[in-house]
PDB file of N, CA and C in Angstrom:
ATOM      1  N   MET A   1    -112.453 233.408  11.776  1.00  0.00           N
ATOM      2  CA  MET A   1    -111.052 233.014  11.774  1.00  0.00           C
ATOM      3  C   MET A   1    -110.958 231.524  11.452  1.00  0.00           C
ATOM      4  N   GLN A   2    -110.023 231.217  10.591  1.00  0.00           N
ATOM      5  CA  GLN A   2    -109.869 229.843  10.123  1.00  0.00           C
ATOM      6  C   GLN A   2    -108.893 229.094  11.030  1.00  0.00           C
ATOM      7  N   ASP A   3    -109.251 227.877  11.385  1.00  0.00           N
ATOM      8  CA  ASP A   3    -108.361 227.048  12.197  1.00  0.00           C
ATOM      9  C   ASP A   3    -107.238 226.518  11.320  1.00  0.00           C
ATOM     10  N   VAL A   4    -106.030 226.654  11.822  1.00  0.00           N
ATOM     11  CA  VAL A   4    -104.870 226.151  11.102  1.00  0.00           C
ATOM     12  C   VAL A   4    -104.451 224.845  11.751  1.00  0.00           C
ATOM     13  N   PRO A   5    -104.340 223.783  10.937  1.00  0.00           N
ATOM     14  CA  PRO A   5    -103.928 222.503  11.532  1.00  0.00           C
ATOM     15  C   PRO A   5    -102.506 222.607  12.059  1.00  0.00           C
ATOM     16  N   PRO A   6    -102.214 221.903  13.145  1.00  0.00           N
ATOM     17  CA  PRO A   6    -100.855 221.944  13.700  1.00  0.00           C
ATOM     18  C   PRO A   6     -99.853 221.407  12.679  1.00  0.00           C
ATOM     19  N   ALA A   7     -98.716 222.049  12.618  1.00  0.00           N
ATOM     20  CA  ALA A   7     -97.665 221.635  11.691  1.00  0.00           C
ATOM     21  C   ALA A   7     -96.317 221.749  12.399  1.00  0.00           C
ATOM     22  N   GLU A   8     -95.379 220.967  11.923  1.00  0.00           N
ATOM     23  CA  GLU A   8     -94.054 221.010  12.526  1.00  0.00           C
ATOM     24  C   GLU A   8     -93.368 222.343  12.242  1.00  0.00           C
ATOM     25  N   PHE A   9     -93.572 222.867  11.042  1.00  0.00           N
ATOM     26  CA  PHE A   9     -92.980 224.137  10.643  1.00  0.00           C
ATOM     27  C   PHE A   9     -94.084 225.101  10.238  1.00  0.00           C
ATOM     28  N   ALA A  10     -93.852 226.378  10.471  1.00  0.00           N
ATOM     29  CA  ALA A  10     -94.845 227.389  10.091  1.00  0.00           C
ATOM     30  C   ALA A  10     -95.090 227.357   8.589  1.00  0.00           C
ATOM     31  N   SER A  11     -94.051 227.089   7.815  1.00  0.00           N
ATOM     32  CA  SER A  11     -94.217 227.054   6.361  1.00  0.00           C
ATOM     33  C   SER A  11     -95.119 225.897   5.926  1.00  0.00           C
ATOM     34  N   ASP A  12     -95.170 224.821   6.720  1.00  0.00           N
ATOM     35  CA  ASP A  12     -96.053 223.703   6.395  1.00  0.00           C
ATOM     36  C   ASP A  12     -97.513 224.101   6.563  1.00  0.00           C
ATOM     37  N   ALA A  13     -97.785 224.991   7.506  1.00  0.00           N
ATOM     38  CA  ALA A  13     -99.152 225.402   7.770  1.00  0.00           C
ATOM     39  C   ALA A  13     -99.616 226.503   6.814  1.00  0.00           C
ATOM     40  N   PHE A  14     -98.688 227.066   6.033  1.00  0.00           N
ATOM     41  CA  PHE A  14     -99.018 228.165   5.119  1.00  0.00           C
ATOM     42  C   PHE A  14     -99.767 227.624   3.913  1.00  0.00           C
ATOM     43  N   ASP A  15    -100.888 228.234   3.618  1.00  0.00           N
ATOM     44  CA  ASP A  15    -101.700 227.823   2.469  1.00  0.00           C
ATOM     45  C   ASP A  15    -101.371 228.725   1.294  1.00  0.00           C
ATOM     46  N   SER A  16    -100.571 228.211   0.369  1.00  0.00           N
ATOM     47  CA  SER A  16    -100.139 229.035  -0.774  1.00  0.00           C
ATOM     48  C   SER A  16    -101.252 229.264  -1.787  1.00  0.00           C
ATOM     49  N   SER A  17    -102.365 228.545  -1.680  1.00  0.00           N
ATOM     50  CA  SER A  17    -103.460 228.744  -2.637  1.00  0.00           C
ATOM     51  C   SER A  17    -104.155 230.087  -2.412  1.00  0.00           C
ATOM     52  N   THR A  18    -103.968 230.675  -1.247  1.00  0.00           N
ATOM     53  CA  THR A  18    -104.592 231.966  -0.973  1.00  0.00           C
ATOM     54  C   THR A  18    -103.669 233.128  -1.323  1.00  0.00           C
ATOM     55  N   LEU A  19    -102.487 232.832  -1.842  1.00  0.00           N
ATOM     56  CA  LEU A  19    -101.501 233.849  -2.174  1.00  0.00           C
ATOM     57  C   LEU A  19    -101.898 234.582  -3.444  1.00  0.00           C
ATOM     58  N   ASN A  20    -101.936 235.893  -3.375  1.00  0.00           N
ATOM     59  CA  ASN A  20    -102.262 236.717  -4.531  1.00  0.00           C
ATOM     60  C   ASN A  20    -100.948 237.118  -5.204  1.00  0.00           C
ATOM     61  N   PRO A  21    -100.711 236.692  -6.449  1.00  0.00           N
ATOM     62  CA  PRO A  21     -99.436 236.989  -7.125  1.00  0.00           C
ATOM     63  C   PRO A  21     -99.164 238.489  -7.261  1.00  0.00           C
ATOM     64  N   ASP A  22    -100.209 239.288  -7.454  1.00  0.00           N
ATOM     65  CA  ASP A  22    -100.010 240.735  -7.576  1.00  0.00           C
ATOM     66  C   ASP A  22     -99.524 241.336  -6.265  1.00  0.00           C
ATOM     67  N   ASP A  23    -100.098 240.873  -5.153  1.00  0.00           N
ATOM     68  CA  ASP A  23     -99.652 241.357  -3.839  1.00  0.00           C
ATOM     69  C   ASP A  23     -98.206 240.950  -3.569  1.00  0.00           C
ATOM     70  N   LEU A  24     -97.884 239.726  -3.924  1.00  0.00           N
ATOM     71  CA  LEU A  24     -96.523 239.233  -3.717  1.00  0.00           C
ATOM     72  C   LEU A  24     -95.525 240.059  -4.520  1.00  0.00           C
ATOM     73  N   GLU A  25     -95.848 240.331  -5.769  1.00  0.00           N
ATOM     74  CA  GLU A  25     -94.959 241.117  -6.625  1.00  0.00           C
ATOM     75  C   GLU A  25     -94.789 242.538  -6.066  1.00  0.00           C
ATOM     76  N   ARG A  26     -95.878 243.148  -5.625  1.00  0.00           N
ATOM     77  CA  ARG A  26     -95.826 244.490  -5.049  1.00  0.00           C
ATOM     78  C   ARG A  26     -94.953 244.501  -3.791  1.00  0.00           C
ATOM     79  N   GLU A  27     -95.138 243.511  -2.919  1.00  0.00           N
ATOM     80  CA  GLU A  27     -94.355 243.442  -1.682  1.00  0.00           C
ATOM     81  C   GLU A  27     -92.874 243.218  -1.968  1.00  0.00           C
ATOM     82  N   MET A  28     -92.575 242.414  -2.965  1.00  0.00           N
ATOM     83  CA  MET A  28     -91.176 242.180  -3.334  1.00  0.00           C
ATOM     84  C   MET A  28     -90.551 243.470  -3.877  1.00  0.00           C
ATOM     85  N   ARG A  29     -91.313 244.205  -4.680  1.00  0.00           N
ATOM     86  CA  ARG A  29     -90.835 245.478  -5.209  1.00  0.00           C
ATOM     87  C   ARG A  29     -90.560 246.465  -4.069  1.00  0.00           C
ATOM     88  N   GLU A  30     -91.443 246.492  -3.075  1.00  0.00           N
ATOM     89  CA  GLU A  30     -91.270 247.375  -1.926  1.00  0.00           C
ATOM     90  C   GLU A  30     -90.017 247.023  -1.127  1.00  0.00           C
ATOM     91  N   LEU A  31     -89.657 245.759  -1.145  1.00  0.00           N
ATOM     92  CA  LEU A  31     -88.441 245.316  -0.453  1.00  0.00           C
ATOM     93  C   LEU A  31     -87.189 245.535  -1.290  1.00  0.00           C
ATOM     94  N   GLY A  32     -87.377 246.019  -2.543  1.00  0.00           N
ATOM     95  CA  GLY A  32     -86.240 246.284  -3.412  1.00  0.00           C
ATOM     96  C   GLY A  32     -85.812 245.080  -4.210  1.00  0.00           C
ATOM     97  N   MET A  33     -86.700 244.110  -4.353  1.00  0.00           N
ATOM     98  CA  MET A  33     -86.379 242.895  -5.099  1.00  0.00           C
ATOM     99  C   MET A  33     -87.175 242.873  -6.389  1.00  0.00           C
ATOM    100  N   ASP A  34     -86.562 242.328  -7.438  1.00  0.00           N
ATOM    101  CA  ASP A  34     -87.342 242.114  -8.653  1.00  0.00           C
ATOM    102  C   ASP A  34     -87.778 240.654  -8.686  1.00  0.00           C
ATOM    103  N   GLY A  35     -88.392 240.250  -9.736  1.00  0.00           N
ATOM    104  CA  GLY A  35     -88.945 238.900  -9.817  1.00  0.00           C
ATOM    105  C   GLY A  35     -87.923 237.782  -9.775  1.00  0.00           C
ATOM    106  N   ASP A  36     -86.691 238.034 -10.264  1.00  0.00           N
ATOM    107  CA  ASP A  36     -85.712 236.940 -10.289  1.00  0.00           C
ATOM    108  C   ASP A  36     -84.792 236.933  -9.070  1.00  0.00           C
ATOM    109  N   GLY A  37     -84.934 237.909  -8.166  1.00  0.00           N
ATOM    110  CA  GLY A  37     -84.188 237.909  -6.911  1.00  0.00           C
ATOM    111  C   GLY A  37     -82.736 238.315  -7.022  1.00  0.00           C
ATOM    112  N   THR A  38     -82.333 238.920  -8.164  1.00  0.00           N
ATOM    113  CA  THR A  38     -80.928 239.289  -8.333  1.00  0.00           C
ATOM    114  C   THR A  38     -80.616 240.692  -7.844  1.00  0.00           C
ATOM    115  N   ASP A  39     -81.615 241.545  -7.671  1.00  0.00           N
ATOM    116  CA  ASP A  39     -81.369 242.914  -7.201  1.00  0.00           C
ATOM    117  C   ASP A  39     -81.078 242.923  -5.713  1.00  0.00           C
ATOM    118  N   ILE A  40     -80.091 243.713  -5.344  1.00  0.00           N
ATOM    119  CA  ILE A  40     -79.767 243.878  -3.931  1.00  0.00           C
ATOM    120  C   ILE A  40     -80.249 245.257  -3.517  1.00  0.00           C
ATOM    121  N   PRO A  41     -81.057 245.342  -2.469  1.00  0.00           N
ATOM    122  CA  PRO A  41     -81.578 246.645  -2.036  1.00  0.00           C
ATOM    123  C   PRO A  41     -80.457 247.606  -1.641  1.00  0.00           C
ATOM    124  N   ALA A  42     -80.731 248.911  -1.763  1.00  0.00           N
ATOM    125  CA  ALA A  42     -79.730 249.941  -1.446  1.00  0.00           C
ATOM    126  C   ALA A  42     -79.259 249.838  -0.002  1.00  0.00           C
ATOM    127  N   TRP A  43     -80.182 249.536   0.926  1.00  0.00           N
ATOM    128  CA  TRP A  43     -79.793 249.455   2.337  1.00  0.00           C
ATOM    129  C   TRP A  43     -78.785 248.329   2.560  1.00  0.00           C
ATOM    130  N   GLU A  44     -78.887 247.259   1.748  1.00  0.00           N
ATOM    131  CA  GLU A  44     -77.947 246.153   1.913  1.00  0.00           C
ATOM    132  C   GLU A  44     -76.568 246.531   1.377  1.00  0.00           C
ATOM    133  N   HIS A  45     -76.539 247.296   0.269  1.00  0.00           N
ATOM    134  CA  HIS A  45     -75.259 247.796  -0.242  1.00  0.00           C
ATOM    135  C   HIS A  45     -74.585 248.676   0.811  1.00  0.00           C
ATOM    136  N   GLU A  46     -75.360 249.557   1.445  1.00  0.00           N
ATOM    137  CA  GLU A  46     -74.830 250.439   2.481  1.00  0.00           C
ATOM    138  C   GLU A  46     -74.282 249.631   3.662  1.00  0.00           C
ATOM    139  N   LEU A  47     -75.015 248.596   4.052  1.00  0.00           N
ATOM    140  CA  LEU A  47     -74.577 247.732   5.147  1.00  0.00           C
ATOM    141  C   LEU A  47     -73.273 247.015   4.781  1.00  0.00           C
ATOM    142  N   GLN A  48     -73.165 246.542   3.543  1.00  0.00           N
ATOM    143  CA  GLN A  48     -71.943 245.870   3.100  1.00  0.00           C
ATOM    144  C   GLN A  48     -70.740 246.818   3.155  1.00  0.00           C
ATOM    145  N   LYS A  49     -70.949 248.082   2.747  1.00  0.00           N
ATOM    146  CA  LYS A  49     -69.866 249.065   2.808  1.00  0.00           C
ATOM    147  C   LYS A  49     -69.426 249.292   4.254  1.00  0.00           C
ATOM    148  N   GLU A  50     -70.386 249.432   5.157  1.00  0.00           N
ATOM    149  CA  GLU A  50     -70.052 249.646   6.570  1.00  0.00           C
ATOM    150  C   GLU A  50     -69.304 248.455   7.144  1.00  0.00           C
ATOM    151  N   LEU A  51     -69.707 247.251   6.776  1.00  0.00           N
ATOM    152  CA  LEU A  51     -69.016 246.059   7.267  1.00  0.00           C
ATOM    153  C   LEU A  51     -67.589 245.986   6.745  1.00  0.00           C
ATOM    154  N   GLN A  52     -67.377 246.409   5.497  1.00  0.00           N
ATOM    155  CA  GLN A  52     -66.026 246.422   4.938  1.00  0.00           C
ATOM    156  C   GLN A  52     -65.140 247.420   5.687  1.00  0.00           C
ATOM    157  N   VAL A  53     -65.687 248.592   5.994  1.00  0.00           N
ATOM    158  CA  VAL A  53     -64.932 249.595   6.747  1.00  0.00           C
ATOM    159  C   VAL A  53     -64.574 249.050   8.126  1.00  0.00           C
ATOM    160  N   LEU A  54     -65.544 248.435   8.801  1.00  0.00           N
ATOM    161  CA  LEU A  54     -65.280 247.869  10.126  1.00  0.00           C
ATOM    162  C   LEU A  54     -64.246 246.758  10.065  1.00  0.00           C
ATOM    163  N   SER A  55     -64.304 245.963   9.016  1.00  0.00           N
ATOM    164  CA  SER A  55     -63.354 244.867   8.861  1.00  0.00           C
ATOM    165  C   SER A  55     -61.936 245.411   8.688  1.00  0.00           C
ATOM    166  N   ARG A  56     -61.780 246.468   7.858  1.00  0.00           N
ATOM    167  CA  ARG A  56     -60.452 247.074   7.678  1.00  0.00           C
ATOM    168  C   ARG A  56     -59.969 247.709   8.977  1.00  0.00           C
ATOM    169  N   TRP A  57     -60.873 248.380   9.693  1.00  0.00           N
ATOM    170  CA  TRP A  57     -60.514 249.011  10.963  1.00  0.00           C
ATOM    171  C   TRP A  57     -60.051 247.953  11.956  1.00  0.00           C
ATOM    172  N   ARG A  58     -60.778 246.842  11.993  1.00  0.00           N
ATOM    173  CA  ARG A  58     -60.419 245.766  12.920  1.00  0.00           C
ATOM    174  C   ARG A  58     -59.038 245.205  12.597  1.00  0.00           C
ATOM    175  N   ALA A  59     -58.740 245.044  11.303  1.00  0.00           N
ATOM    176  CA  ALA A  59     -57.427 244.542  10.901  1.00  0.00           C
ATOM    177  C   ALA A  59     -56.336 245.529  11.305  1.00  0.00           C
ATOM    178  N   ASP A  60     -56.599 246.837  11.137  1.00  0.00           N
ATOM    179  CA  ASP A  60     -55.619 247.858  11.532  1.00  0.00           C
ATOM    180  C   ASP A  60     -55.375 247.828  13.035  1.00  0.00           C
ATOM    181  N   VAL A  61     -56.435 247.720  13.808  1.00  0.00           N
ATOM    182  CA  VAL A  61     -56.309 247.686  15.269  1.00  0.00           C
ATOM    183  C   VAL A  61     -55.540 246.447  15.700  1.00  0.00           C
ATOM    184  N   SER A  62     -55.837 245.323  15.060  1.00  0.00           N
ATOM    185  CA  SER A  62     -55.147 244.079  15.396  1.00  0.00           C
ATOM    186  C   SER A  62     -53.656 244.200  15.106  1.00  0.00           C
ATOM    187  N   CYS A  63     -53.321 244.793  13.966  1.00  0.00           N
ATOM    188  CA  CYS A  63     -51.911 244.979  13.599  1.00  0.00           C
ATOM    189  C   CYS A  63     -51.235 245.906  14.604  1.00  0.00           C
ATOM    190  N   HIS A  64     -51.900 246.984  14.974  1.00  0.00           N
ATOM    191  CA  HIS A  64     -51.347 247.930  15.955  1.00  0.00           C
ATOM    192  C   HIS A  64     -51.138 247.241  17.307  1.00  0.00           C
ATOM    193  N   PHE A  65     -52.107 246.422  17.704  1.00  0.00           N
ATOM    194  CA  PHE A  65     -52.000 245.696  18.967  1.00  0.00           C
ATOM    195  C   PHE A  65     -50.795 244.758  18.940  1.00  0.00           C
ATOM    196  N   ASP A  66     -50.573 244.084  17.805  1.00  0.00           N
ATOM    197  CA  ASP A  66     -49.420 243.189  17.682  1.00  0.00           C
ATOM    198  C   ASP A  66     -48.117 243.970  17.829  1.00  0.00           C
ATOM    199  N   HIS A  67     -48.040 245.173  17.238  1.00  0.00           N
ATOM    200  CA  HIS A  67     -46.842 246.006  17.370  1.00  0.00           C
ATOM    201  C   HIS A  67     -46.637 246.423  18.820  1.00  0.00           C
ATOM    202  N   CYS A  68     -47.730 246.738  19.510  1.00  0.00           N
ATOM    203  CA  CYS A  68     -47.629 247.125  20.919  1.00  0.00           C
ATOM    204  C   CYS A  68     -47.108 245.972  21.770  1.00  0.00           C
ATOM    205  N   LYS A  69     -47.600 244.769  21.500  1.00  0.00           N
ATOM    206  CA  LYS A  69     -47.129 243.605  22.257  1.00  0.00           C
ATOM    207  C   LYS A  69     -45.642 243.374  22.006  1.00  0.00           C
ATOM    208  N   LEU A  70     -45.224 243.517  20.753  1.00  0.00           N
ATOM    209  CA  LEU A  70     -43.820 243.326  20.408  1.00  0.00           C
ATOM    210  C   LEU A  70     -42.948 244.379  21.091  1.00  0.00           C
ATOM    211  N   PHE A  71     -43.393 245.630  21.077  1.00  0.00           N
ATOM    212  CA  PHE A  71     -42.661 246.713  21.736  1.00  0.00           C
ATOM    213  C   PHE A  71     -42.550 246.443  23.232  1.00  0.00           C
ATOM    214  N   PHE A  72     -43.655 246.024  23.858  1.00  0.00           N
ATOM    215  CA  PHE A  72     -43.651 245.723  25.293  1.00  0.00           C
ATOM    216  C   PHE A  72     -42.687 244.580  25.589  1.00  0.00           C
ATOM    217  N   PHE A  73     -42.725 243.527  24.769  1.00  0.00           N
ATOM    218  CA  PHE A  73     -41.856 242.370  24.963  1.00  0.00           C
ATOM    219  C   PHE A  73     -40.389 242.779  24.841  1.00  0.00           C
ATOM    220  N   ARG A  74     -40.070 243.595  23.830  1.00  0.00           N
ATOM    221  CA  ARG A  74     -38.698 244.059  23.620  1.00  0.00           C
ATOM    222  C   ARG A  74     -38.215 244.854  24.835  1.00  0.00           C
ATOM    223  N   ASN A  75     -39.072 245.764  25.309  1.00  0.00           N
ATOM    224  CA  ASN A  75     -38.689 246.570  26.479  1.00  0.00           C
ATOM    225  C   ASN A  75     -38.508 245.703  27.724  1.00  0.00           C
ATOM    226  N   LYS A  76     -39.380 244.723  27.890  1.00  0.00           N
ATOM    227  CA  LYS A  76     -39.276 243.828  29.049  1.00  0.00           C
ATOM    228  C   LYS A  76     -37.972 243.043  28.988  1.00  0.00           C
ATOM    229  N   CYS A  77     -37.598 242.573  27.793  1.00  0.00           N
ATOM    230  CA  CYS A  77     -36.339 241.843  27.631  1.00  0.00           C
ATOM    231  C   CYS A  77     -35.144 242.733  27.953  1.00  0.00           C
ATOM    232  N   LEU A  78     -35.206 244.000  27.506  1.00  0.00           N
ATOM    233  CA  LEU A  78     -34.109 244.921  27.808  1.00  0.00           C
ATOM    234  C   LEU A  78     -34.008 245.179  29.311  1.00  0.00           C
ATOM    235  N   GLU A  79     -35.154 245.351  29.967  1.00  0.00           N
ATOM    236  CA  GLU A  79     -35.155 245.566  31.418  1.00  0.00           C
ATOM    237  C   GLU A  79     -34.548 244.374  32.146  1.00  0.00           C
ATOM    238  N   MET A  80     -34.965 243.167  31.747  1.00  0.00           N
ATOM    239  CA  MET A  80     -34.472 241.971  32.420  1.00  0.00           C
ATOM    240  C   MET A  80     -32.988 241.752  32.185  1.00  0.00           C
ATOM    241  N   SER A  81     -32.543 242.014  30.954  1.00  0.00           N
ATOM    242  CA  SER A  81     -31.121 241.813  30.658  1.00  0.00           C
ATOM    243  C   SER A  81     -30.278 242.849  31.386  1.00  0.00           C
ATOM    244  N   THR A  82     -30.762 244.081  31.478  1.00  0.00           N
ATOM    245  CA  THR A  82     -30.049 245.131  32.203  1.00  0.00           C
ATOM    246  C   THR A  82     -29.953 244.780  33.693  1.00  0.00           C
ATOM    247  N   ALA A  83     -31.063 244.290  34.244  1.00  0.00           N
ATOM    248  CA  ALA A  83     -31.076 243.911  35.649  1.00  0.00           C
ATOM    249  C   ALA A  83     -30.136 242.737  35.912  1.00  0.00           C
ATOM    250  N   ALA A  84     -29.977 241.867  34.933  1.00  0.00           N
ATOM    251  CA  ALA A  84     -29.096 240.701  35.101  1.00  0.00           C
ATOM    252  C   ALA A  84     -27.662 241.042  34.717  1.00  0.00           C
ATOM    253  N   GLY A  85     -27.430 242.253  34.226  1.00  0.00           N
ATOM    254  CA  GLY A  85     -26.066 242.636  33.866  1.00  0.00           C
ATOM    255  C   GLY A  85     -25.662 242.126  32.497  1.00  0.00           C
ATOM    256  N   VAL A  86     -26.629 241.736  31.684  1.00  0.00           N
ATOM    257  CA  VAL A  86     -26.344 241.236  30.326  1.00  0.00           C
ATOM    258  C   VAL A  86     -26.633 242.348  29.355  1.00  0.00           C
ATOM    259  N   ARG A  87     -25.719 242.526  28.411  1.00  0.00           N
ATOM    260  CA  ARG A  87     -25.928 243.568  27.411  1.00  0.00           C
ATOM    261  C   ARG A  87     -26.382 242.931  26.106  1.00  0.00           C
ATOM    262  N   LEU A  88     -27.514 243.395  25.598  1.00  0.00           N
ATOM    263  CA  LEU A  88     -28.028 242.851  24.322  1.00  0.00           C
ATOM    264  C   LEU A  88     -27.617 243.716  23.172  1.00  0.00           C
TER     265      LEU A  88
END
């Protein structure tokens, strides 16, 4: 086992001279990347779709919650005005 000199960052201690370009290319291909890094893996596309669905759902829930608060406020105002004898 080779002693690695202490480094501030793990990347500083990495010896790139031992890197095999064929292994790197194979590993990148396995991750769904090509050599220029522009390909997005299928799992990431799927994740992006799920996040978009969740984002739309969250916006719908937020809008519904706002309507509920408005309805509650309106009813509370009607109750208070009725109790005070004021007609709105």
